[in-house]
Amino acid sequence: AEAKLRTELACACAGAAGIVFSLFALEGHVLAEALGVPALAVSPYLIPYGPPADFESRLAGARPLLHAALRASPTPATPEPAAAACRGELADRLSWAEVEHWAWPLYDEARWAGWRAGLGLGC
């Protein structure tokens, strides 16, 4: 069922100029990368939980270049990233603080590795 849904999503998004996805549909992040288009995550709530204790070490082991890039990314200057986004002040990358707060599920290798490989995306 999940494979069928992902195939349908990929077909529906073909030709898109960008992908807007919620934290209930994280496939949008992977599809945007596969299509080479911008992605925007939207969420109607604050995340009430954090990443697993071993998340950072697992990410560093599985995708060391990505981990290093995320760690090197500056923290946004504004405490209200949503307000900044509405003004068109989108950052071109996530900060590590954002990864720890809400984006860590995007980099869960157990969840995404097989699909990423099927889409021709590397580590």
Foldseek 3Di string as FASTA:
>chain_A
DVVVVLVVVLVVCVPPQEEEEELVCLSRVLSCVLNVHYYHYDYPDWDPDWDPPCLLVVLCVQPVVVSVVQAPDDDDPDPDQVVCVVVVNDDPDHHVVCCGGRVVVNRPCVPPVVVSVVSVHDD
